[in-house]
PDB file of N, CA and C in Angstrom:
ATOM      1  N   UNK A   1      79.736  87.766  73.794  1.00  0.00           N
ATOM      2  CA  UNK A   1      80.406  88.635  73.764  1.00  0.00           C
ATOM      3  C   UNK A   1      82.225  88.783  72.871  1.00  0.00           C
ATOM      4  N   UNK A   2      81.699  90.208  72.510  1.00  0.00           N
ATOM      5  CA  UNK A   2      83.448  89.862  71.441  1.00  0.00           C
ATOM      6  C   UNK A   2      84.781  90.877  72.332  1.00  0.00           C
ATOM      7  N   UNK A   3      85.947  90.078  72.176  1.00  0.00           N
ATOM      8  CA  UNK A   3      87.186  90.218  72.570  1.00  0.00           C
ATOM      9  C   UNK A   3      88.003  91.154  71.728  1.00  0.00           C
ATOM     10  N   UNK A   4      88.438  92.452  72.236  1.00  0.00           N
ATOM     11  CA  UNK A   4      90.050  92.766  71.092  1.00  0.00           C
ATOM     12  C   UNK A   4      91.139  92.529  72.209  1.00  0.00           C
ATOM     13  N   UNK A   5      92.191  91.550  71.622  1.00  0.00           N
ATOM     14  CA  UNK A   5      93.634  91.266  72.519  1.00  0.00           C
ATOM     15  C   UNK A   5      94.146  91.725  71.867  1.00  0.00           C
ATOM     16  N   UNK A   6      94.497  92.793  72.472  1.00  0.00           N
ATOM     17  CA  UNK A   6      95.542  94.095  71.437  1.00  0.00           C
ATOM     18  C   UNK A   6      96.499  94.272  73.123  1.00  0.00           C
ATOM     19  N   UNK A   7      98.018  94.171  72.957  1.00  0.00           N
ATOM     20  CA  UNK A   7      97.793  94.334  72.758  1.00  0.00           C
ATOM     21  C   UNK A   7      98.178  94.311  75.132  1.00  0.00           C
ATOM     22  N   UNK A   8      97.389  93.138  75.527  1.00  0.00           N
ATOM     23  CA  UNK A   8      96.144  92.777  76.454  1.00  0.00           C
ATOM     24  C   UNK A   8      96.617  93.386  76.979  1.00  0.00           C
ATOM     25  N   UNK A   9      95.190  95.061  76.964  1.00  0.00           N
ATOM     26  CA  UNK A   9      95.069  96.011  78.077  1.00  0.00           C
ATOM     27  C   UNK A   9      93.627  94.880  78.940  1.00  0.00           C
ATOM     28  N   UNK A  10      92.909  93.919  78.997  1.00  0.00           N
ATOM     29  CA  UNK A  10      92.039  93.933  79.290  1.00  0.00           C
ATOM     30  C   UNK A  10      92.178  92.517  79.906  1.00  0.00           C
ATOM     31  N   UNK A  11      90.856  92.042  80.433  1.00  0.00           N
ATOM     32  CA  UNK A  11      90.066  91.225  80.366  1.00  0.00           C
ATOM     33  C   UNK A  11      89.167  90.402  80.844  1.00  0.00           C
ATOM     34  N   UNK A  12      88.628  89.308  81.295  1.00  0.00           N
ATOM     35  CA  UNK A  12      87.395  88.912  82.056  1.00  0.00           C
ATOM     36  C   UNK A  12      87.643  88.467  82.191  1.00  0.00           C
ATOM     37  N   UNK A  13      87.027  87.903  83.847  1.00  0.00           N
ATOM     38  CA  UNK A  13      87.119  86.820  84.841  1.00  0.00           C
ATOM     39  C   UNK A  13      85.637  86.144  85.634  1.00  0.00           C
ATOM     40  N   UNK A  14      85.337  84.877  85.800  1.00  0.00           N
ATOM     41  CA  UNK A  14      84.604  83.919  85.888  1.00  0.00           C
ATOM     42  C   UNK A  14      85.147  84.328  87.084  1.00  0.00           C
ATOM     43  N   UNK A  15      83.697  84.367  88.497  1.00  0.00           N
ATOM     44  CA  UNK A  15      83.837  84.053  89.577  1.00  0.00           C
ATOM     45  C   UNK A  15      84.080  82.558  90.080  1.00  0.00           C
ATOM     46  N   UNK A  16      85.274  81.858  91.575  1.00  0.00           N
ATOM     47  CA  UNK A  16      84.471  81.148  91.518  1.00  0.00           C
ATOM     48  C   UNK A  16      84.026  80.744  93.045  1.00  0.00           C
ATOM     49  N   UNK A  17      85.017  80.956  93.646  1.00  0.00           N
ATOM     50  CA  UNK A  17      84.983  80.660  95.472  1.00  0.00           C
ATOM     51  C   UNK A  17      85.334  82.283  95.541  1.00  0.00           C
ATOM     52  N   UNK A  18      84.036  83.218  97.044  1.00  0.00           N
ATOM     53  CA  UNK A  18      85.063  84.064  97.372  1.00  0.00           C
ATOM     54  C   UNK A  18      85.620  83.701  99.211  1.00  0.00           C
ATOM     55  N   UNK A  19      86.833  84.262  98.885  1.00  0.00           N
ATOM     56  CA  UNK A  19      87.218  83.928 100.533  1.00  0.00           C
ATOM     57  C   UNK A  19      87.488  84.916 100.749  1.00  0.00           C
ATOM     58  N   UNK A  20      87.234  85.638 100.317  1.00  0.00           N
ATOM     59  CA  UNK A  20      86.738  87.397 101.958  1.00  0.00           C
ATOM     60  C   UNK A  20      85.933  88.070 101.018  1.00  0.00           C
ATOM     61  N   UNK A  21      84.946  88.820 101.140  1.00  0.00           N
ATOM     62  CA  UNK A  21      83.692  89.539 100.440  1.00  0.00           C
ATOM     63  C   UNK A  21      84.072  91.224 100.456  1.00  0.00           C
ATOM     64  N   UNK A  22      84.312  90.678 101.945  1.00  0.00           N
ATOM     65  CA  UNK A  22      84.970  92.938 101.514  1.00  0.00           C
ATOM     66  C   UNK A  22      86.218  93.551 102.207  1.00  0.00           C
ATOM     67  N   UNK A  23      87.143  94.360 102.161  1.00  0.00           N
ATOM     68  CA  UNK A  23      88.393  94.882 102.146  1.00  0.00           C
ATOM     69  C   UNK A  23      89.493  94.215 102.763  1.00  0.00           C
ATOM     70  N   UNK A  24      90.261  93.032 102.225  1.00  0.00           N
ATOM     71  CA  UNK A  24      90.143  93.050 101.334  1.00  0.00           C
ATOM     72  C   UNK A  24      89.455  92.494 100.345  1.00  0.00           C
ATOM     73  N   UNK A  25      89.344  92.005  99.243  1.00  0.00           N
ATOM     74  CA  UNK A  25      87.911  91.138  98.333  1.00  0.00           C
ATOM     75  C   UNK A  25      89.017  90.030  97.925  1.00  0.00           C
ATOM     76  N   UNK A  26      89.434  88.960  97.911  1.00  0.00           N
ATOM     77  CA  UNK A  26      89.747  87.795  97.708  1.00  0.00           C
ATOM     78  C   UNK A  26      89.022  86.838  96.445  1.00  0.00           C
ATOM     79  N   UNK A  27      89.000  86.531  95.920  1.00  0.00           N
ATOM     80  CA  UNK A  27      88.764  85.452  95.220  1.00  0.00           C
ATOM     81  C   UNK A  27      89.533  84.523  93.827  1.00  0.00           C
ATOM     82  N   UNK A  28      88.089  82.528  94.164  1.00  0.00           N
ATOM     83  CA  UNK A  28      89.560  82.403  93.441  1.00  0.00           C
ATOM     84  C   UNK A  28      88.498  82.894  91.356  1.00  0.00           C
ATOM     85  N   UNK A  29      89.279  82.666  90.836  1.00  0.00           N
ATOM     86  CA  UNK A  29      88.651  83.382  89.356  1.00  0.00           C
ATOM     87  C   UNK A  29      88.967  82.199  88.315  1.00  0.00           C
ATOM     88  N   UNK A  30      88.613  82.253  87.132  1.00  0.00           N
ATOM     89  CA  UNK A  30      89.241  81.975  85.505  1.00  0.00           C
ATOM     90  C   UNK A  30      89.174  82.765  85.172  1.00  0.00           C
ATOM     91  N   UNK A  31      90.655  82.958  84.522  1.00  0.00           N
ATOM     92  CA  UNK A  31      91.188  84.000  83.103  1.00  0.00           C
ATOM     93  C   UNK A  31      90.556  83.413  81.921  1.00  0.00           C
ATOM     94  N   UNK A  32      89.382  84.454  81.556  1.00  0.00           N
ATOM     95  CA  UNK A  32      88.631  83.971  79.811  1.00  0.00           C
ATOM     96  C   UNK A  32      89.315  84.799  79.158  1.00  0.00           C
ATOM     97  N   UNK A  33      89.529  85.584  78.974  1.00  0.00           N
ATOM     98  CA  UNK A  33      90.756  86.106  78.289  1.00  0.00           C
ATOM     99  C   UNK A  33      91.616  87.393  77.938  1.00  0.00           C
ATOM    100  N   UNK A  34      92.113  87.591  78.469  1.00  0.00           N
ATOM    101  CA  UNK A  34      93.829  88.122  77.759  1.00  0.00           C
ATOM    102  C   UNK A  34      95.509  88.062  79.664  1.00  0.00           C
ATOM    103  N   UNK A  35      95.245  89.397  80.202  1.00  0.00           N
ATOM    104  CA  UNK A  35      96.715  89.046  81.310  1.00  0.00           C
ATOM    105  C   UNK A  35      95.926  89.970  82.287  1.00  0.00           C
ATOM    106  N   UNK A  36      96.736  89.391  83.610  1.00  0.00           N
ATOM    107  CA  UNK A  36      96.120  89.820  84.603  1.00  0.00           C
ATOM    108  C   UNK A  36      97.131  90.090  85.433  1.00  0.00           C
ATOM    109  N   UNK A  37      97.961  91.709  86.108  1.00  0.00           N
ATOM    110  CA  UNK A  37      98.599  91.261  86.632  1.00  0.00           C
ATOM    111  C   UNK A  37      98.342  92.479  87.762  1.00  0.00           C
ATOM    112  N   UNK A  38      99.306  92.257  88.910  1.00  0.00           N
ATOM    113  CA  UNK A  38      98.986  93.632  90.409  1.00  0.00           C
ATOM    114  C   UNK A  38      99.167  94.866  89.667  1.00  0.00           C
ATOM    115  N   UNK A  39      98.211  94.909  90.268  1.00  0.00           N
ATOM    116  CA  UNK A  39      98.211  96.346  90.135  1.00  0.00           C
ATOM    117  C   UNK A  39      97.697  97.201  89.332  1.00  0.00           C
ATOM    118  N   UNK A  40      96.076  96.633  88.335  1.00  0.00           N
ATOM    119  CA  UNK A  40      95.477  96.529  87.934  1.00  0.00           C
ATOM    120  C   UNK A  40      93.865  97.101  88.372  1.00  0.00           C
ATOM    121  N   UNK A  41      93.540  98.083  87.639  1.00  0.00           N
ATOM    122  CA  UNK A  41      92.570  98.429  88.469  1.00  0.00           C
ATOM    123  C   UNK A  41      91.043  97.902  88.145  1.00  0.00           C
ATOM    124  N   UNK A  42      90.133  97.223  89.237  1.00  0.00           N
ATOM    125  CA  UNK A  42      89.077  95.945  88.892  1.00  0.00           C
ATOM    126  C   UNK A  42      87.940  97.830  88.563  1.00  0.00           C
ATOM    127  N   UNK A  43      86.935  96.147  87.795  1.00  0.00           N
ATOM    128  CA  UNK A  43      85.397  97.221  88.027  1.00  0.00           C
ATOM    129  C   UNK A  43      84.979  96.358  87.245  1.00  0.00           C
ATOM    130  N   UNK A  44      83.517  96.871  87.488  1.00  0.00           N
ATOM    131  CA  UNK A  44      82.330  95.194  87.065  1.00  0.00           C
ATOM    132  C   UNK A  44      81.104  97.065  85.427  1.00  0.00           C
ATOM    133  N   UNK A  45      81.684  96.041  84.875  1.00  0.00           N
ATOM    134  CA  UNK A  45      81.148  96.449  83.435  1.00  0.00           C
ATOM    135  C   UNK A  45      79.312  96.221  83.908  1.00  0.00           C
ATOM    136  N   UNK A  46      79.051  95.395  84.515  1.00  0.00           N
ATOM    137  CA  UNK A  46      77.754  95.872  84.405  1.00  0.00           C
ATOM    138  C   UNK A  46      76.552  96.655  85.341  1.00  0.00           C
ATOM    139  N   UNK A  47      77.126  96.690  86.304  1.00  0.00           N
ATOM    140  CA  UNK A  47      76.900  97.894  87.712  1.00  0.00           C
ATOM    141  C   UNK A  47      77.077  98.953  86.827  1.00  0.00           C
ATOM    142  N   UNK A  48      77.010  99.703  85.997  1.00  0.00           N
ATOM    143  CA  UNK A  48      77.601 100.406  85.659  1.00  0.00           C
ATOM    144  C   UNK A  48      78.822 100.778  85.902  1.00  0.00           C
ATOM    145  N   UNK A  49      80.293  99.718  85.436  1.00  0.00           N
ATOM    146  CA  UNK A  49      81.837 100.533  85.560  1.00  0.00           C
ATOM    147  C   UNK A  49      81.609 100.687  86.778  1.00  0.00           C
ATOM    148  N   UNK A  50      80.807 100.267  88.143  1.00  0.00           N
ATOM    149  CA  UNK A  50      81.444 100.670  88.742  1.00  0.00           C
ATOM    150  C   UNK A  50      83.305  99.777  89.273  1.00  0.00           C
ATOM    151  N   UNK A  51      83.898 100.915  90.172  1.00  0.00           N
ATOM    152  CA  UNK A  51      85.144 100.641  90.679  1.00  0.00           C
ATOM    153  C   UNK A  51      84.924  99.498  91.504  1.00  0.00           C
ATOM    154  N   UNK A  52      85.934  98.559  91.405  1.00  0.00           N
ATOM    155  CA  UNK A  52      86.178  97.626  92.167  1.00  0.00           C
ATOM    156  C   UNK A  52      86.848  98.029  94.034  1.00  0.00           C
ATOM    157  N   UNK A  53      87.903  98.044  93.065  1.00  0.00           N
ATOM    158  CA  UNK A  53      89.984  98.603  93.571  1.00  0.00           C
ATOM    159  C   UNK A  53      90.260  98.006  93.307  1.00  0.00           C
ATOM    160  N   UNK A  54      91.890  97.545  93.628  1.00  0.00           N
ATOM    161  CA  UNK A  54      93.523  97.342  92.892  1.00  0.00           C
ATOM    162  C   UNK A  54      93.438  96.838  92.684  1.00  0.00           C
ATOM    163  N   UNK A  55      94.114  95.563  91.580  1.00  0.00           N
ATOM    164  CA  UNK A  55      94.506  94.487  92.415  1.00  0.00           C
ATOM    165  C   UNK A  55      95.641  94.151  92.775  1.00  0.00           C
ATOM    166  N   UNK A  56      95.643  93.551  94.240  1.00  0.00           N
ATOM    167  CA  UNK A  56      96.968  93.816  94.370  1.00  0.00           C
ATOM    168  C   UNK A  56      98.127  92.362  95.212  1.00  0.00           C
ATOM    169  N   UNK A  57      97.167  91.273  94.852  1.00  0.00           N
ATOM    170  CA  UNK A  57      98.259  89.673  94.679  1.00  0.00           C
ATOM    171  C   UNK A  57      97.323  89.127  94.058  1.00  0.00           C
ATOM    172  N   UNK A  58      98.136  88.496  93.396  1.00  0.00           N
ATOM    173  CA  UNK A  58      97.983  86.753  92.600  1.00  0.00           C
ATOM    174  C   UNK A  58      98.618  85.445  92.902  1.00  0.00           C
ATOM    175  N   UNK A  59      97.708  84.807  93.223  1.00  0.00           N
ATOM    176  CA  UNK A  59      98.354  83.008  93.904  1.00  0.00           C
ATOM    177  C   UNK A  59      97.320  82.482  92.810  1.00  0.00           C
ATOM    178  N   UNK A  60      98.677  81.086  92.659  1.00  0.00           N
ATOM    179  CA  UNK A  60      98.100  80.154  92.126  1.00  0.00           C
ATOM    180  C   UNK A  60      98.650  78.885  92.637  1.00  0.00           C
ATOM    181  N   UNK A  61      98.284  77.629  93.151  1.00  0.00           N
ATOM    182  CA  UNK A  61      98.575  76.684  93.749  1.00  0.00           C
ATOM    183  C   UNK A  61      99.207  77.386  94.751  1.00  0.00           C
ATOM    184  N   UNK A  62      98.544  78.240  94.791  1.00  0.00           N
ATOM    185  CA  UNK A  62      98.976  78.654  97.019  1.00  0.00           C
ATOM    186  C   UNK A  62     100.592  79.560  96.225  1.00  0.00           C
ATOM    187  N   UNK A  63     101.353  79.691  95.435  1.00  0.00           N
ATOM    188  CA  UNK A  63     102.390  80.092  94.784  1.00  0.00           C
ATOM    189  C   UNK A  63     102.007  81.702  94.736  1.00  0.00           C
ATOM    190  N   UNK A  64     102.885  82.824  94.913  1.00  0.00           N
ATOM    191  CA  UNK A  64     102.068  83.760  94.745  1.00  0.00           C
ATOM    192  C   UNK A  64     103.443  84.174  92.613  1.00  0.00           C
ATOM    193  N   UNK A  65     102.311  85.306  92.332  1.00  0.00           N
ATOM    194  CA  UNK A  65     102.394  85.103  91.124  1.00  0.00           C
ATOM    195  C   UNK A  65     102.658  86.523  90.327  1.00  0.00           C
ATOM    196  N   UNK A  66     103.361  86.645  89.268  1.00  0.00           N
ATOM    197  CA  UNK A  66     103.290  88.420  89.097  1.00  0.00           C
ATOM    198  C   UNK A  66     101.816  88.946  87.619  1.00  0.00           C
ATOM    199  N   UNK A  67     101.565  87.870  87.764  1.00  0.00           N
ATOM    200  CA  UNK A  67     100.667  87.323  86.303  1.00  0.00           C
ATOM    201  C   UNK A  67     100.356  86.120  85.879  1.00  0.00           C
ATOM    202  N   UNK A  68      98.282  85.553  84.608  1.00  0.00           N
ATOM    203  CA  UNK A  68      98.176  85.924  85.193  1.00  0.00           C
ATOM    204  C   UNK A  68      96.893  85.124  83.685  1.00  0.00           C
ATOM    205  N   UNK A  69      97.546  84.221  83.030  1.00  0.00           N
ATOM    206  CA  UNK A  69      97.302  84.073  81.620  1.00  0.00           C
ATOM    207  C   UNK A  69      95.462  83.197  81.628  1.00  0.00           C
ATOM    208  N   UNK A  70      95.284  83.936  80.004  1.00  0.00           N
ATOM    209  CA  UNK A  70      93.625  82.932  79.744  1.00  0.00           C
ATOM    210  C   UNK A  70      93.359  82.047  79.766  1.00  0.00           C
ATOM    211  N   UNK A  71      92.563  81.374  80.695  1.00  0.00           N
ATOM    212  CA  UNK A  71      92.780  80.228  80.994  1.00  0.00           C
ATOM    213  C   UNK A  71      93.182  79.098  82.504  1.00  0.00           C
ATOM    214  N   UNK A  72      93.716  80.113  83.242  1.00  0.00           N
ATOM    215  CA  UNK A  72      94.168  79.564  84.538  1.00  0.00           C
ATOM    216  C   UNK A  72      93.287  79.930  85.505  1.00  0.00           C
ATOM    217  N   UNK A  73      93.737  79.742  86.701  1.00  0.00           N
ATOM    218  CA  UNK A  73      92.253  79.888  87.733  1.00  0.00           C
ATOM    219  C   UNK A  73      93.609  79.992  88.800  1.00  0.00           C
ATOM    220  N   UNK A  74      93.885  80.737  89.370  1.00  0.00           N
ATOM    221  CA  UNK A  74      94.043  81.889  89.725  1.00  0.00           C
ATOM    222  C   UNK A  74      92.803  82.731  90.879  1.00  0.00           C
ATOM    223  N   UNK A  75      93.520  82.882  92.397  1.00  0.00           N
ATOM    224  CA  UNK A  75      93.034  83.490  93.128  1.00  0.00           C
ATOM    225  C   UNK A  75      93.765  85.357  93.414  1.00  0.00           C
ATOM    226  N   UNK A  76      92.285  86.280  93.316  1.00  0.00           N
ATOM    227  CA  UNK A  76      92.831  87.578  93.072  1.00  0.00           C
ATOM    228  C   UNK A  76      92.871  87.537  94.580  1.00  0.00           C
ATOM    229  N   UNK A  77      93.495  88.872  95.117  1.00  0.00           N
ATOM    230  CA  UNK A  77      92.932  90.080  96.178  1.00  0.00           C
ATOM    231  C   UNK A  77      93.146  91.086  95.374  1.00  0.00           C
ATOM    232  N   UNK A  78      91.178  91.441  95.891  1.00  0.00           N
ATOM    233  CA  UNK A  78      91.068  93.166  95.706  1.00  0.00           C
ATOM    234  C   UNK A  78      91.720  95.208  96.524  1.00  0.00           C
ATOM    235  N   UNK A  79      91.818  95.128  96.731  1.00  0.00           N
ATOM    236  CA  UNK A  79      92.570  95.450  97.267  1.00  0.00           C
ATOM    237  C   UNK A  79      91.428  97.118  97.031  1.00  0.00           C
ATOM    238  N   UNK A  80      90.897  97.984  98.140  1.00  0.00           N
ATOM    239  CA  UNK A  80      90.034  99.646  97.519  1.00  0.00           C
ATOM    240  C   UNK A  80      90.531 100.128  97.580  1.00  0.00           C
ATOM    241  N   UNK A  81      90.502 101.638  96.445  1.00  0.00           N
ATOM    242  CA  UNK A  81      91.750 102.336  96.129  1.00  0.00           C
ATOM    243  C   UNK A  81      91.274 103.868  97.032  1.00  0.00           C
ATOM    244  N   UNK A  82      92.195 103.482  97.489  1.00  0.00           N
ATOM    245  CA  UNK A  82      92.699 104.585  98.449  1.00  0.00           C
ATOM    246  C   UNK A  82      91.590 106.106  98.905  1.00  0.00           C
ATOM    247  N   UNK A  83      90.746 106.463  99.431  1.00  0.00           N
ATOM    248  CA  UNK A  83      89.732 107.200  99.577  1.00  0.00           C
ATOM    249  C   UNK A  83      88.563 106.772  99.250  1.00  0.00           C
ATOM    250  N   UNK A  84      88.164 105.785  98.744  1.00  0.00           N
ATOM    251  CA  UNK A  84      86.725 105.146  98.244  1.00  0.00           C
ATOM    252  C   UNK A  84      86.804 104.315  99.672  1.00  0.00           C
ATOM    253  N   UNK A  85      84.722 104.060  98.888  1.00  0.00           N
ATOM    254  CA  UNK A  85      84.244 102.502 100.926  1.00  0.00           C
ATOM    255  C   UNK A  85      84.689 102.198  99.960  1.00  0.00           C
ATOM    256  N   UNK A  86      85.007 100.577  99.766  1.00  0.00           N
ATOM    257  CA  UNK A  86      85.867  99.490 100.197  1.00  0.00           C
ATOM    258  C   UNK A  86      83.996  98.319 100.049  1.00  0.00           C
ATOM    259  N   UNK A  87      84.275  98.466  98.887  1.00  0.00           N
ATOM    260  CA  UNK A  87      83.034  98.101  97.865  1.00  0.00           C
ATOM    261  C   UNK A  87      83.050  96.229  98.592  1.00  0.00           C
ATOM    262  N   UNK A  88      81.499  95.853  98.191  1.00  0.00           N
ATOM    263  CA  UNK A  88      81.488  94.577  98.669  1.00  0.00           C
ATOM    264  C   UNK A  88      80.848  92.547  97.417  1.00  0.00           C
ATOM    265  N   UNK A  89      81.000  91.544  98.400  1.00  0.00           N
ATOM    266  CA  UNK A  89      81.226  91.086  97.160  1.00  0.00           C
ATOM    267  C   UNK A  89      79.236  90.463  97.579  1.00  0.00           C
ATOM    268  N   UNK A  90      78.608  90.188  96.817  1.00  0.00           N
ATOM    269  CA  UNK A  90      77.430  90.085  97.318  1.00  0.00           C
ATOM    270  C   UNK A  90      76.183  91.588  96.879  1.00  0.00           C
ATOM    271  N   UNK A  91      76.741  92.295  97.363  1.00  0.00           N
ATOM    272  CA  UNK A  91      76.035  94.060  97.466  1.00  0.00           C
ATOM    273  C   UNK A  91      76.250  94.660  96.121  1.00  0.00           C
ATOM    274  N   UNK A  92      77.778  94.882  95.331  1.00  0.00           N
ATOM    275  CA  UNK A  92      78.602  95.655  94.278  1.00  0.00           C
ATOM    276  C   UNK A  92      78.930  94.416  93.083  1.00  0.00           C
ATOM    277  N   UNK A  93      78.591  92.829  93.183  1.00  0.00           N
ATOM    278  CA  UNK A  93      78.728  92.370  92.303  1.00  0.00           C
ATOM    279  C   UNK A  93      78.836  91.123  92.959  1.00  0.00           C
ATOM    280  N   UNK A  94      78.204  90.473  91.815  1.00  0.00           N
ATOM    281  CA  UNK A  94      77.878  89.189  92.601  1.00  0.00           C
ATOM    282  C   UNK A  94      78.676  87.739  91.582  1.00  0.00           C
ATOM    283  N   UNK A  95      78.338  86.305  91.621  1.00  0.00           N
ATOM    284  CA  UNK A  95      79.213  85.488  90.447  1.00  0.00           C
ATOM    285  C   UNK A  95      78.806  85.001  89.286  1.00  0.00           C
ATOM    286  N   UNK A  96      77.883  85.845  89.175  1.00  0.00           N
ATOM    287  CA  UNK A  96      77.295  86.555  87.495  1.00  0.00           C
ATOM    288  C   UNK A  96      77.119  87.519  86.769  1.00  0.00           C
ATOM    289  N   UNK A  97      78.504  88.633  87.546  1.00  0.00           N
ATOM    290  CA  UNK A  97      79.254  89.580  87.023  1.00  0.00           C
ATOM    291  C   UNK A  97      80.391  88.858  85.799  1.00  0.00           C
ATOM    292  N   UNK A  98      81.225  89.809  84.468  1.00  0.00           N
ATOM    293  CA  UNK A  98      82.432  89.913  85.196  1.00  0.00           C
ATOM    294  C   UNK A  98      82.781  90.527  85.686  1.00  0.00           C
ATOM    295  N   UNK A  99      84.539  90.713  85.913  1.00  0.00           N
ATOM    296  CA  UNK A  99      85.675  91.791  85.945  1.00  0.00           C
ATOM    297  C   UNK A  99      85.960  91.844  84.717  1.00  0.00           C
ATOM    298  N   UNK A 100      86.402  93.844  84.979  1.00  0.00           N
ATOM    299  CA  UNK A 100      87.135  93.638  83.672  1.00  0.00           C
ATOM    300  C   UNK A 100      88.165  94.641  84.380  1.00  0.00           C
ATOM    301  N   UNK A 101      89.459  95.169  83.872  1.00  0.00           N
ATOM    302  CA  UNK A 101      90.518  96.041  83.700  1.00  0.00           C
ATOM    303  C   UNK A 101      89.653  97.968  83.898  1.00  0.00           C
ATOM    304  N   UNK A 102      89.886  98.239  83.943  1.00  0.00           N
ATOM    305  CA  UNK A 102      89.289  99.266  84.338  1.00  0.00           C
ATOM    306  C   UNK A 102      90.438 100.143  83.293  1.00  0.00           C
ATOM    307  N   UNK A 103      91.318  99.346  83.118  1.00  0.00           N
ATOM    308  CA  UNK A 103      92.471 100.274  81.503  1.00  0.00           C
ATOM    309  C   UNK A 103      91.527 100.131  80.088  1.00  0.00           C
ATOM    310  N   UNK A 104      91.461  98.984  80.705  1.00  0.00           N
ATOM    311  CA  UNK A 104      90.620  98.275  79.366  1.00  0.00           C
ATOM    312  C   UNK A 104      89.810  98.878  78.897  1.00  0.00           C
ATOM    313  N   UNK A 105      88.165  99.859  79.218  1.00  0.00           N
ATOM    314  CA  UNK A 105      87.458 100.712  79.605  1.00  0.00           C
ATOM    315  C   UNK A 105      87.940 101.078  78.959  1.00  0.00           C
ATOM    316  N   UNK A 106      88.994 102.353  79.279  1.00  0.00           N
ATOM    317  CA  UNK A 106      89.194 103.310  78.248  1.00  0.00           C
ATOM    318  C   UNK A 106      89.851 103.018  77.352  1.00  0.00           C
ATOM    319  N   UNK A 107      90.614 102.509  77.573  1.00  0.00           N
ATOM    320  CA  UNK A 107      91.820 101.777  76.112  1.00  0.00           C
ATOM    321  C   UNK A 107      90.468 101.603  74.903  1.00  0.00           C
ATOM    322  N   UNK A 108      89.924 101.427  75.451  1.00  0.00           N
ATOM    323  CA  UNK A 108      88.034 100.854  74.173  1.00  0.00           C
ATOM    324  C   UNK A 108      87.670 101.585  73.820  1.00  0.00           C
ATOM    325  N   UNK A 109      87.334 103.125  74.771  1.00  0.00           N
ATOM    326  CA  UNK A 109      86.770 104.479  74.734  1.00  0.00           C
ATOM    327  C   UNK A 109      87.432 105.427  73.468  1.00  0.00           C
ATOM    328  N   UNK A 110      89.215 105.468  73.722  1.00  0.00           N
ATOM    329  CA  UNK A 110      89.482 106.106  72.926  1.00  0.00           C
ATOM    330  C   UNK A 110      89.784 105.029  71.473  1.00  0.00           C
ATOM    331  N   UNK A 111      90.010 103.432  71.635  1.00  0.00           N
ATOM    332  CA  UNK A 111      90.346 103.065  70.599  1.00  0.00           C
ATOM    333  C   UNK A 111      88.605 102.924  69.336  1.00  0.00           C
ATOM    334  N   UNK A 112      87.587 103.190  70.038  1.00  0.00           N
ATOM    335  CA  UNK A 112      87.129 103.018  68.843  1.00  0.00           C
ATOM    336  C   UNK A 112      86.182 104.565  68.330  1.00  0.00           C
ATOM    337  N   UNK A 113      86.243 104.961  69.135  1.00  0.00           N
ATOM    338  CA  UNK A 113      86.713 106.602  68.653  1.00  0.00           C
ATOM    339  C   UNK A 113      87.181 107.102  67.545  1.00  0.00           C
ATOM    340  N   UNK A 114      88.621 106.224  67.792  1.00  0.00           N
ATOM    341  CA  UNK A 114      89.946 106.703  66.668  1.00  0.00           C
ATOM    342  C   UNK A 114      89.592 106.177  66.028  1.00  0.00           C
ATOM    343  N   UNK A 115      88.725 104.683  65.734  1.00  0.00           N
ATOM    344  CA  UNK A 115      89.000 104.141  64.318  1.00  0.00           C
ATOM    345  C   UNK A 115      88.030 104.561  63.934  1.00  0.00           C
ATOM    346  N   UNK A 116      86.373 105.070  64.187  1.00  0.00           N
ATOM    347  CA  UNK A 116      85.266 105.372  62.755  1.00  0.00           C
ATOM    348  C   UNK A 116      85.919 106.028  62.990  1.00  0.00           C
ATOM    349  N   UNK A 117      86.901 107.455  62.755  1.00  0.00           N
ATOM    350  CA  UNK A 117      87.056 108.838  63.074  1.00  0.00           C
ATOM    351  C   UNK A 117      88.309 108.252  61.374  1.00  0.00           C
ATOM    352  N   UNK A 118      89.221 107.424  61.790  1.00  0.00           N
ATOM    353  CA  UNK A 118      90.057 107.042  60.279  1.00  0.00           C
ATOM    354  C   UNK A 118      89.612 105.962  58.916  1.00  0.00           C
ATOM    355  N   UNK A 119      88.612 105.547  59.711  1.00  0.00           N
ATOM    356  CA  UNK A 119      87.716 103.977  58.696  1.00  0.00           C
ATOM    357  C   UNK A 119      86.643 105.362  57.294  1.00  0.00           C
ATOM    358  N   UNK A 120      87.405 105.289  56.226  1.00  0.00           N
ATOM    359  CA  UNK A 120      86.987 106.151  55.273  1.00  0.00           C
ATOM    360  C   UNK A 120      85.234 105.376  55.005  1.00  0.00           C
TER     361      UNK A 120
END
C-alpha cells in the first residue's frame, strides 16, 4: 500500500487490543503512518469506508495525550457520530482491517483529481 504524507492528513493503525467493542470503542493501536489527533473522524476503507466515529481521547502509558505519531502504541477511544447508530468491533470491522482518517479519504480524492488535471 502506498502512503503519501502531506501535512499529516492521514494515518493507518493496526489493531492490537480491544478494551470495549461498542459505544465507545476503546482499542489499542500501533500508528503505522501519519498522526492521530483528538477529534479525528475514523473510517474503515476495506468495509466500504464505513464511519466508525470520532477519536475523543488518546492515552499513552495510561496518560492522556493530544496526539500520537508513527510507531507509537496508544489506546484510542472512538465515540459514535451523533445521530448515527454505534458501530461494533467484530461486526463492522475486525483486527485485520486498517483504520484511516475520514479527512484522509476526502483529501486524497481531491488531491488525485487535482494532480491529474494539472499534469501535462
